[in-house]
Amino acid sequence: MQENVWKPQKGQVMKIFSRRLIAAAILAALFGTLSVKAAPANDTKSPDQEKQEQQKRYYLIREHAGQGSKDAQFILSCCEHYGLGTDQDSSFQIRLESAEQGQAIAQFSVGLCYAAGRGVGKDMAEAVKWLSLAAEQDYAPAQTVLGKFYAKGRGVSKDMDAAVDLYRKAAVRGSAKAQYLLGQCYESGDGVGKDIREAVKWYRKAAEQRNPDAQYALGKCYYDGNGLKENRELALKWYRMAADQGHAEAGEAIRGMDEPAE
């Protein structure tokens, strides 16, 4: 019998890129659409020159956004969320200006800044205020984070009913994290009637989007026969998918499946 010891498989190691690099790639693509000439391949610039170039491009994006370009408005929000094209000292103020103009991603970013005390003094009341504004625009990441705040009583009174409502809104919009959290609520009966089948439904939706926590939870449901017919083969499948993403508990579960019963 082959031992079910989890090991990273060739081709299964995920290449994880930082959000800043992703946003930078979007910036580069958009600059092309705005007729900004690319530098020659042999052109080398100092870090200060590169920073100045990025700032020039950022202000060009702001100019086009102000003229009503939807693409520019979107990428401007991304720039302000990730601090691209701005110096660190002015980054928060620029995000705040966009948030005050009603841009959901900027409102979300400002809320996170207040929650973490990044670029501004920590203020949970302000964090909840800005996250709520973004959530009201159906911005799923804000709904998910705000739901967690309600679940933990962070900046607001603990309210699982409100948390579940926010998780559900984000889950319906496709947020894998919210789908997993909603599944947890159904499994525990916290803030909603306990319903393991409904929990499995949301775990599966999130697991299929490669959320490792959901993959582990779904694997455990198969292993325990909880809401599903017991199936060790499918349990192992989902455990392995979670473990391939570095989920420690999934790796332990795989090793545990080979330990002889006492």
C-alpha atoms as a PDB file:
ATOM      1  CA  MET A   1       0.000   0.000   0.000  1.00  0.00           C
ATOM      2  CA  GLN A   2       1.384   3.381  -1.016  1.00  0.00           C
ATOM      3  CA  GLU A   3       2.043   5.694   1.878  1.00  0.00           C
ATOM      4  CA  ASN A   4      -0.086   8.848   1.884  1.00  0.00           C
ATOM      5  CA  VAL A   5       2.711  11.171   2.939  1.00  0.00           C
ATOM      6  CA  TRP A   6       2.247  14.574   1.415  1.00  0.00           C
ATOM      7  CA  LYS A   7       5.123  15.913  -0.640  1.00  0.00           C
ATOM      8  CA  PRO A   8       5.105  18.858  -3.034  1.00  0.00           C
ATOM      9  CA  GLN A   9       4.690  17.508  -6.556  1.00  0.00           C
ATOM     10  CA  LYS A  10       6.503  18.818  -9.595  1.00  0.00           C
ATOM     11  CA  GLY A  11       4.442  21.477 -11.275  1.00  0.00           C
ATOM     12  CA  GLN A  12       2.230  21.896  -8.193  1.00  0.00           C
ATOM     13  CA  VAL A  13       4.301  24.510  -6.423  1.00  0.00           C
ATOM     14  CA  MET A  14       2.305  27.710  -6.768  1.00  0.00           C
ATOM     15  CA  LYS A  15       4.036  30.795  -8.033  1.00  0.00           C
ATOM     16  CA  ILE A  16       2.869  33.503  -5.699  1.00  0.00           C
ATOM     17  CA  PHE A  17       3.321  37.062  -6.914  1.00  0.00           C
ATOM     18  CA  SER A  18       2.924  40.064  -4.644  1.00  0.00           C
ATOM     19  CA  ARG A  19      -0.082  42.283  -5.177  1.00  0.00           C
ATOM     20  CA  ARG A  20       2.251  45.168  -5.865  1.00  0.00           C
ATOM     21  CA  LEU A  21       3.794  43.347  -8.816  1.00  0.00           C
ATOM     22  CA  ILE A  22       0.363  42.489 -10.188  1.00  0.00           C
ATOM     23  CA  ALA A  23      -0.747  46.104  -9.876  1.00  0.00           C
ATOM     24  CA  ALA A  24       2.522  47.247 -11.468  1.00  0.00           C
ATOM     25  CA  ALA A  25       1.884  44.949 -14.422  1.00  0.00           C
ATOM     26  CA  ILE A  26      -1.586  46.462 -14.845  1.00  0.00           C
ATOM     27  CA  LEU A  27      -0.027  49.921 -14.699  1.00  0.00           C
ATOM     28  CA  ALA A  28       2.456  49.047 -17.429  1.00  0.00           C
ATOM     29  CA  ALA A  29      -0.304  47.702 -19.674  1.00  0.00           C
ATOM     30  CA  LEU A  30      -2.489  50.764 -19.158  1.00  0.00           C
ATOM     31  CA  PHE A  31       0.376  53.169 -19.830  1.00  0.00           C
ATOM     32  CA  GLY A  32       0.586  51.641 -23.285  1.00  0.00           C
ATOM     33  CA  THR A  33      -3.065  52.484 -23.943  1.00  0.00           C
ATOM     34  CA  LEU A  34      -2.346  56.066 -22.887  1.00  0.00           C
ATOM     35  CA  SER A  35       0.460  56.408 -25.450  1.00  0.00           C
ATOM     36  CA  VAL A  36       3.316  56.602 -22.981  1.00  0.00           C
ATOM     37  CA  LYS A  37       6.465  55.541 -24.804  1.00  0.00           C
ATOM     38  CA  ALA A  38       8.361  52.646 -23.295  1.00  0.00           C
ATOM     39  CA  ALA A  39      12.018  53.152 -22.503  1.00  0.00           C
ATOM     40  CA  PRO A  40      14.553  51.522 -24.861  1.00  0.00           C
ATOM     41  CA  ALA A  41      15.668  48.042 -23.838  1.00  0.00           C
ATOM     42  CA  ASN A  42      19.225  49.231 -23.175  1.00  0.00           C
ATOM     43  CA  ASP A  43      18.111  52.232 -21.141  1.00  0.00           C
ATOM     44  CA  THR A  44      19.197  52.027 -17.511  1.00  0.00           C
ATOM     45  CA  LYS A  45      17.945  54.352 -14.837  1.00  0.00           C
ATOM     46  CA  SER A  46      18.870  54.915 -11.236  1.00  0.00           C
ATOM     47  CA  PRO A  47      16.316  54.050  -8.516  1.00  0.00           C
ATOM     48  CA  ASP A  48      15.548  57.762  -8.133  1.00  0.00           C
ATOM     49  CA  GLN A  49      14.982  58.141 -11.870  1.00  0.00           C
ATOM     50  CA  GLU A  50      12.722  55.091 -11.894  1.00  0.00           C
ATOM     51  CA  LYS A  51      10.724  56.559  -9.032  1.00  0.00           C
ATOM     52  CA  GLN A  52      10.358  59.852 -10.872  1.00  0.00           C
ATOM     53  CA  GLU A  53       9.180  58.029 -14.005  1.00  0.00           C
ATOM     54  CA  GLN A  54       6.619  56.074 -12.006  1.00  0.00           C
ATOM     55  CA  GLN A  55       5.346  59.271 -10.410  1.00  0.00           C
ATOM     56  CA  LYS A  56       5.019  60.932 -13.839  1.00  0.00           C
ATOM     57  CA  ARG A  57       2.969  57.995 -15.053  1.00  0.00           C
ATOM     58  CA  TYR A  58       0.857  58.037 -11.928  1.00  0.00           C
ATOM     59  CA  TYR A  59      -0.049  61.697 -12.435  1.00  0.00           C
ATOM     60  CA  LEU A  60      -0.832  60.966 -16.078  1.00  0.00           C
ATOM     61  CA  ILE A  61      -3.273  58.305 -14.875  1.00  0.00           C
ATOM     62  CA  ARG A  62      -4.844  60.847 -12.513  1.00  0.00           C
ATOM     63  CA  GLU A  63      -5.227  63.312 -15.387  1.00  0.00           C
ATOM     64  CA  HIS A  64      -7.012  60.758 -17.568  1.00  0.00           C
ATOM     65  CA  ALA A  65      -9.163  59.640 -14.631  1.00  0.00           C
ATOM     66  CA  GLY A  66     -10.214  63.235 -14.094  1.00  0.00           C
ATOM     67  CA  GLN A  67     -11.250  63.399 -17.741  1.00  0.00           C
ATOM     68  CA  GLY A  68     -13.666  60.531 -17.197  1.00  0.00           C
ATOM     69  CA  SER A  69     -11.695  57.501 -18.427  1.00  0.00           C
ATOM     70  CA  LYS A  70     -13.215  54.470 -16.646  1.00  0.00           C
ATOM     71  CA  ASP A  71     -10.061  52.414 -17.243  1.00  0.00           C
ATOM     72  CA  ALA A  72      -7.923  55.155 -15.753  1.00  0.00           C
ATOM     73  CA  GLN A  73     -10.258  55.531 -12.770  1.00  0.00           C
ATOM     74  CA  PHE A  74     -10.001  51.807 -12.081  1.00  0.00           C
ATOM     75  CA  ILE A  75      -6.211  51.657 -12.293  1.00  0.00           C
ATOM     76  CA  LEU A  76      -5.931  54.870 -10.253  1.00  0.00           C
ATOM     77  CA  SER A  77      -7.809  53.094  -7.461  1.00  0.00           C
ATOM     78  CA  CYS A  78      -5.379  50.190  -7.746  1.00  0.00           C
ATOM     79  CA  CYS A  79      -2.398  52.556  -7.595  1.00  0.00           C
ATOM     80  CA  GLU A  80      -3.743  54.253  -4.503  1.00  0.00           C
ATOM     81  CA  HIS A  81      -4.634  50.952  -2.851  1.00  0.00           C
ATOM     82  CA  TYR A  82      -1.122  49.555  -3.299  1.00  0.00           C
ATOM     83  CA  GLY A  83       0.826  52.808  -2.978  1.00  0.00           C
ATOM     84  CA  LEU A  84       2.206  52.767  -6.519  1.00  0.00           C
ATOM     85  CA  GLY A  85       3.468  55.981  -8.058  1.00  0.00           C
ATOM     86  CA  THR A  86       3.220  57.917  -4.816  1.00  0.00           C
ATOM     87  CA  ASP A  87       5.688  58.514  -2.045  1.00  0.00           C
ATOM     88  CA  GLN A  88       4.882  56.783   1.218  1.00  0.00           C
ATOM     89  CA  ASP A  89       4.077  59.985   3.063  1.00  0.00           C
ATOM     90  CA  SER A  90       1.405  61.113   0.604  1.00  0.00           C
ATOM     91  CA  SER A  91      -0.028  57.682  -0.181  1.00  0.00           C
ATOM     92  CA  PHE A  92      -2.710  57.680   2.530  1.00  0.00           C
ATOM     93  CA  GLN A  93      -3.888  61.200   1.737  1.00  0.00           C
ATOM     94  CA  ILE A  94      -4.262  60.328  -1.941  1.00  0.00           C
ATOM     95  CA  ARG A  95      -6.257  57.201  -1.091  1.00  0.00           C
ATOM     96  CA  LEU A  96      -8.443  59.255   1.239  1.00  0.00           C
ATOM     97  CA  GLU A  97      -9.185  61.764  -1.527  1.00  0.00           C
ATOM     98  CA  SER A  98     -10.324  58.949  -3.817  1.00  0.00           C
ATOM     99  CA  ALA A  99     -12.330  57.370  -1.004  1.00  0.00           C
ATOM    100  CA  GLU A 100     -14.121  60.652  -0.407  1.00  0.00           C
ATOM    101  CA  GLN A 101     -15.030  60.654  -4.109  1.00  0.00           C
ATOM    102  CA  GLY A 102     -16.808  57.347  -3.584  1.00  0.00           C
ATOM    103  CA  GLN A 103     -14.331  54.840  -5.063  1.00  0.00           C
ATOM    104  CA  ALA A 104     -15.004  51.547  -3.289  1.00  0.00           C
ATOM    105  CA  ILE A 105     -11.501  50.091  -3.545  1.00  0.00           C
ATOM    106  CA  ALA A 106     -10.076  53.314  -2.074  1.00  0.00           C
ATOM    107  CA  GLN A 107     -12.653  53.252   0.741  1.00  0.00           C
ATOM    108  CA  PHE A 108     -11.649  49.667   1.463  1.00  0.00           C
ATOM    109  CA  SER A 109      -7.973  50.609   1.470  1.00  0.00           C
ATOM    110  CA  VAL A 110      -8.538  53.578   3.793  1.00  0.00           C
ATOM    111  CA  GLY A 111     -10.497  51.335   6.149  1.00  0.00           C
ATOM    112  CA  LEU A 112      -7.611  48.873   6.288  1.00  0.00           C
ATOM    113  CA  CYS A 113      -5.151  51.712   6.894  1.00  0.00           C
ATOM    114  CA  TYR A 114      -7.163  52.962   9.877  1.00  0.00           C
ATOM    115  CA  ALA A 115      -7.502  49.419  11.230  1.00  0.00           C
ATOM    116  CA  ALA A 116      -3.761  48.781  11.047  1.00  0.00           C
ATOM    117  CA  GLY A 117      -2.552  52.312  11.812  1.00  0.00           C
ATOM    118  CA  ARG A 118      -0.723  52.369   8.467  1.00  0.00           C
ATOM    119  CA  GLY A 119      -0.028  55.904   7.264  1.00  0.00           C
ATOM    120  CA  VAL A 120      -2.502  57.264   9.814  1.00  0.00           C
ATOM    121  CA  GLY A 121      -3.271  56.854  13.500  1.00  0.00           C
ATOM    122  CA  LYS A 122      -5.099  53.648  14.318  1.00  0.00           C
ATOM    123  CA  ASP A 123      -8.823  54.344  14.643  1.00  0.00           C
ATOM    124  CA  MET A 124     -11.241  51.428  14.565  1.00  0.00           C
ATOM    125  CA  ALA A 125     -14.307  53.671  14.351  1.00  0.00           C
ATOM    126  CA  GLU A 126     -12.937  55.227  11.158  1.00  0.00           C
ATOM    127  CA  ALA A 127     -11.953  51.780   9.890  1.00  0.00           C
ATOM    128  CA  VAL A 128     -15.510  50.514  10.288  1.00  0.00           C
ATOM    129  CA  LYS A 129     -16.901  53.682   8.720  1.00  0.00           C
ATOM    130  CA  TRP A 130     -14.857  53.338   5.511  1.00  0.00           C
ATOM    131  CA  LEU A 131     -15.239  49.580   5.267  1.00  0.00           C
ATOM    132  CA  SER A 132     -19.000  50.032   5.640  1.00  0.00           C
ATOM    133  CA  LEU A 133     -19.071  52.569   2.810  1.00  0.00           C
ATOM    134  CA  ALA A 134     -17.217  50.155   0.529  1.00  0.00           C
ATOM    135  CA  ALA A 135     -19.418  47.245   1.632  1.00  0.00           C
ATOM    136  CA  GLU A 136     -22.538  49.262   0.793  1.00  0.00           C
ATOM    137  CA  GLN A 137     -21.233  49.432  -2.776  1.00  0.00           C
ATOM    138  CA  ASP A 138     -21.167  45.613  -2.839  1.00  0.00           C
ATOM    139  CA  TYR A 139     -17.370  45.493  -2.755  1.00  0.00           C
ATOM    140  CA  ALA A 140     -16.897  41.886  -1.648  1.00  0.00           C
ATOM    141  CA  PRO A 141     -13.454  42.246   0.034  1.00  0.00           C
ATOM    142  CA  ALA A 142     -14.882  45.003   2.262  1.00  0.00           C
ATOM    143  CA  GLN A 143     -17.965  42.924   3.072  1.00  0.00           C
ATOM    144  CA  THR A 144     -15.736  40.008   4.063  1.00  0.00           C
ATOM    145  CA  VAL A 145     -13.417  42.032   6.292  1.00  0.00           C
ATOM    146  CA  LEU A 146     -16.293  43.942   7.879  1.00  0.00           C
ATOM    147  CA  GLY A 147     -18.042  40.618   8.522  1.00  0.00           C
ATOM    148  CA  LYS A 148     -14.953  39.419  10.391  1.00  0.00           C
ATOM    149  CA  PHE A 149     -14.970  42.611  12.445  1.00  0.00           C
ATOM    150  CA  TYR A 150     -18.563  41.913  13.492  1.00  0.00           C
ATOM    151  CA  ALA A 151     -17.736  38.268  14.210  1.00  0.00           C
ATOM    152  CA  LYS A 152     -14.853  39.256  16.496  1.00  0.00           C
ATOM    153  CA  GLY A 153     -16.356  42.436  17.947  1.00  0.00           C
ATOM    154  CA  ARG A 154     -13.503  44.466  16.494  1.00  0.00           C
ATOM    155  CA  GLY A 155     -14.433  48.146  16.341  1.00  0.00           C
ATOM    156  CA  VAL A 156     -18.106  47.215  16.695  1.00  0.00           C
ATOM    157  CA  SER A 157     -20.227  45.234  19.101  1.00  0.00           C
ATOM    158  CA  LYS A 158     -20.039  41.538  18.322  1.00  0.00           C
ATOM    159  CA  ASP A 159     -22.964  40.636  16.086  1.00  0.00           C
ATOM    160  CA  MET A 160     -22.942  37.264  14.356  1.00  0.00           C
ATOM    161  CA  ASP A 161     -26.192  37.999  12.539  1.00  0.00           C
ATOM    162  CA  ALA A 162     -24.533  41.002  10.881  1.00  0.00           C
ATOM    163  CA  ALA A 163     -21.395  38.959  10.196  1.00  0.00           C
ATOM    164  CA  VAL A 164     -23.362  36.200   8.471  1.00  0.00           C
ATOM    165  CA  ASP A 165     -25.299  38.738   6.416  1.00  0.00           C
ATOM    166  CA  LEU A 166     -22.062  40.323   5.175  1.00  0.00           C
ATOM    167  CA  TYR A 167     -20.432  36.953   4.516  1.00  0.00           C
ATOM    168  CA  ARG A 168     -23.446  35.891   2.495  1.00  0.00           C
ATOM    169  CA  LYS A 169     -23.428  39.042   0.355  1.00  0.00           C
ATOM    170  CA  ALA A 170     -19.731  38.605  -0.413  1.00  0.00           C
ATOM    171  CA  ALA A 171     -20.105  34.845  -0.938  1.00  0.00           C
ATOM    172  CA  VAL A 172     -22.867  35.351  -3.494  1.00  0.00           C
ATOM    173  CA  ARG A 173     -20.566  37.753  -5.322  1.00  0.00           C
ATOM    174  CA  GLY A 174     -17.949  34.992  -5.529  1.00  0.00           C
ATOM    175  CA  SER A 175     -15.571  35.735  -2.649  1.00  0.00           C
ATOM    176  CA  ALA A 176     -13.914  32.407  -1.781  1.00  0.00           C
ATOM    177  CA  LYS A 177     -12.917  33.677   1.656  1.00  0.00           C
ATOM    178  CA  ALA A 178     -16.489  34.701   2.437  1.00  0.00           C
ATOM    179  CA  GLN A 179     -17.813  31.385   1.136  1.00  0.00           C
ATOM    180  CA  TYR A 180     -15.495  29.544   3.511  1.00  0.00           C
ATOM    181  CA  LEU A 181     -16.421  31.751   6.471  1.00  0.00           C
ATOM    182  CA  LEU A 182     -20.123  31.321   5.706  1.00  0.00           C
ATOM    183  CA  GLY A 183     -19.594  27.568   5.601  1.00  0.00           C
ATOM    184  CA  GLN A 184     -17.978  27.740   9.031  1.00  0.00           C
ATOM    185  CA  CYS A 185     -21.011  29.583  10.400  1.00  0.00           C
ATOM    186  CA  TYR A 186     -23.368  26.922   9.059  1.00  0.00           C
ATOM    187  CA  GLU A 187     -21.218  24.142  10.451  1.00  0.00           C
ATOM    188  CA  SER A 188     -21.040  25.692  13.935  1.00  0.00           C
ATOM    189  CA  GLY A 189     -24.517  27.229  13.968  1.00  0.00           C
ATOM    190  CA  ASP A 190     -23.009  30.577  14.898  1.00  0.00           C
ATOM    191  CA  GLY A 191     -25.271  33.395  13.704  1.00  0.00           C
ATOM    192  CA  VAL A 192     -27.386  31.042  11.622  1.00  0.00           C
ATOM    193  CA  GLY A 193     -29.220  27.756  12.063  1.00  0.00           C
ATOM    194  CA  LYS A 194     -26.785  24.831  12.098  1.00  0.00           C
ATOM    195  CA  ASP A 195     -26.907  23.094   8.730  1.00  0.00           C
ATOM    196  CA  ILE A 196     -23.994  20.856   7.771  1.00  0.00           C
ATOM    197  CA  ARG A 197     -25.258  20.321   4.238  1.00  0.00           C
ATOM    198  CA  GLU A 198     -25.343  24.072   3.675  1.00  0.00           C
ATOM    199  CA  ALA A 199     -21.854  24.279   5.186  1.00  0.00           C
ATOM    200  CA  VAL A 200     -20.615  21.659   2.731  1.00  0.00           C
ATOM    201  CA  LYS A 201     -22.184  23.587  -0.154  1.00  0.00           C
ATOM    202  CA  TRP A 202     -20.232  26.738   0.684  1.00  0.00           C
ATOM    203  CA  TYR A 203     -17.038  24.860   1.511  1.00  0.00           C
ATOM    204  CA  ARG A 204     -17.189  23.244  -1.919  1.00  0.00           C
ATOM    205  CA  LYS A 205     -17.718  26.566  -3.712  1.00  0.00           C
ATOM    206  CA  ALA A 206     -14.698  28.044  -1.953  1.00  0.00           C
ATOM    207  CA  ALA A 207     -12.604  24.886  -2.348  1.00  0.00           C
ATOM    208  CA  GLU A 208     -13.209  24.903  -6.088  1.00  0.00           C
ATOM    209  CA  GLN A 209     -11.737  28.410  -6.091  1.00  0.00           C
ATOM    210  CA  ARG A 210      -8.594  26.981  -4.461  1.00  0.00           C
ATOM    211  CA  ASN A 211      -9.197  28.387  -0.993  1.00  0.00           C
ATOM    212  CA  PRO A 212      -6.968  26.099   1.132  1.00  0.00           C
ATOM    213  CA  ASP A 213      -8.989  26.450   4.343  1.00  0.00           C
ATOM    214  CA  ALA A 214     -12.126  25.373   2.473  1.00  0.00           C
ATOM    215  CA  GLN A 215     -10.292  22.505   0.792  1.00  0.00           C
ATOM    216  CA  TYR A 216      -9.177  21.248   4.181  1.00  0.00           C
ATOM    217  CA  ALA A 217     -12.681  21.693   5.658  1.00  0.00           C
ATOM    218  CA  LEU A 218     -14.267  19.818   2.752  1.00  0.00           C
ATOM    219  CA  GLY A 219     -11.700  17.047   3.062  1.00  0.00           C
ATOM    220  CA  LYS A 220     -12.493  16.743   6.754  1.00  0.00           C
ATOM    221  CA  CYS A 221     -16.223  16.483   5.993  1.00  0.00           C
ATOM    222  CA  TYR A 222     -15.473  13.592   3.654  1.00  0.00           C
ATOM    223  CA  TYR A 223     -13.142  11.991   6.182  1.00  0.00           C
ATOM    224  CA  ASP A 224     -15.611  12.247   9.073  1.00  0.00           C
ATOM    225  CA  GLY A 225     -18.723  11.556   7.005  1.00  0.00           C
ATOM    226  CA  ASN A 226     -20.068  14.889   8.207  1.00  0.00           C
ATOM    227  CA  GLY A 227     -22.746  16.105   5.800  1.00  0.00           C
ATOM    228  CA  LEU A 228     -21.352  13.789   3.156  1.00  0.00           C
ATOM    229  CA  LYS A 229     -20.954  10.064   2.733  1.00  0.00           C
ATOM    230  CA  GLU A 230     -17.612   9.063   4.245  1.00  0.00           C
ATOM    231  CA  ASN A 231     -15.019   8.809   1.497  1.00  0.00           C
ATOM    232  CA  ARG A 232     -11.341   8.572   2.429  1.00  0.00           C
ATOM    233  CA  GLU A 233     -10.229   8.856  -1.204  1.00  0.00           C
ATOM    234  CA  LEU A 234     -11.990  12.190  -1.690  1.00  0.00           C
ATOM    235  CA  ALA A 235     -10.849  13.341   1.746  1.00  0.00           C
ATOM    236  CA  LEU A 236      -7.272  12.660   0.689  1.00  0.00           C
ATOM    237  CA  LYS A 237      -7.809  14.491  -2.605  1.00  0.00           C
ATOM    238  CA  TRP A 238      -8.934  17.702  -0.891  1.00  0.00           C
ATOM    239  CA  TYR A 239      -6.334  17.412   1.866  1.00  0.00           C
ATOM    240  CA  ARG A 240      -3.614  17.170  -0.765  1.00  0.00           C
ATOM    241  CA  MET A 241      -4.927  20.194  -2.651  1.00  0.00           C
ATOM    242  CA  ALA A 242      -4.854  22.230   0.560  1.00  0.00           C
ATOM    243  CA  ALA A 243      -1.446  20.883   1.564  1.00  0.00           C
ATOM    244  CA  ASP A 244      -0.022  21.787  -1.835  1.00  0.00           C
ATOM    245  CA  GLN A 245      -0.804  25.388  -0.901  1.00  0.00           C
ATOM    246  CA  GLY A 246       1.005  25.088   2.409  1.00  0.00           C
ATOM    247  CA  HIS A 247      -1.964  24.305   4.673  1.00  0.00           C
ATOM    248  CA  ALA A 248      -0.263  22.780   7.730  1.00  0.00           C
ATOM    249  CA  GLU A 249      -3.317  21.029   9.169  1.00  0.00           C
ATOM    250  CA  ALA A 250      -3.996  19.357   5.834  1.00  0.00           C
ATOM    251  CA  GLY A 251      -0.448  18.035   5.752  1.00  0.00           C
ATOM    252  CA  GLU A 252      -0.868  16.668   9.269  1.00  0.00           C
ATOM    253  CA  ALA A 253      -4.197  15.072   8.294  1.00  0.00           C
ATOM    254  CA  ILE A 254      -2.527  13.279   5.393  1.00  0.00           C
ATOM    255  CA  ARG A 255       0.205  11.928   7.628  1.00  0.00           C
ATOM    256  CA  GLY A 256      -2.414  10.909  10.191  1.00  0.00           C
ATOM    257  CA  MET A 257      -4.262   8.814   7.624  1.00  0.00           C
ATOM    258  CA  ASP A 258      -1.249   6.467   7.487  1.00  0.00           C
ATOM    259  CA  GLU A 259      -0.844   6.073  11.235  1.00  0.00           C
ATOM    260  CA  PRO A 260      -2.001   2.654  12.450  1.00  0.00           C
ATOM    261  CA  ALA A 261      -5.106   2.655  14.645  1.00  0.00           C
ATOM    262  CA  GLU A 262      -4.405   2.081  18.318  1.00  0.00           C
END
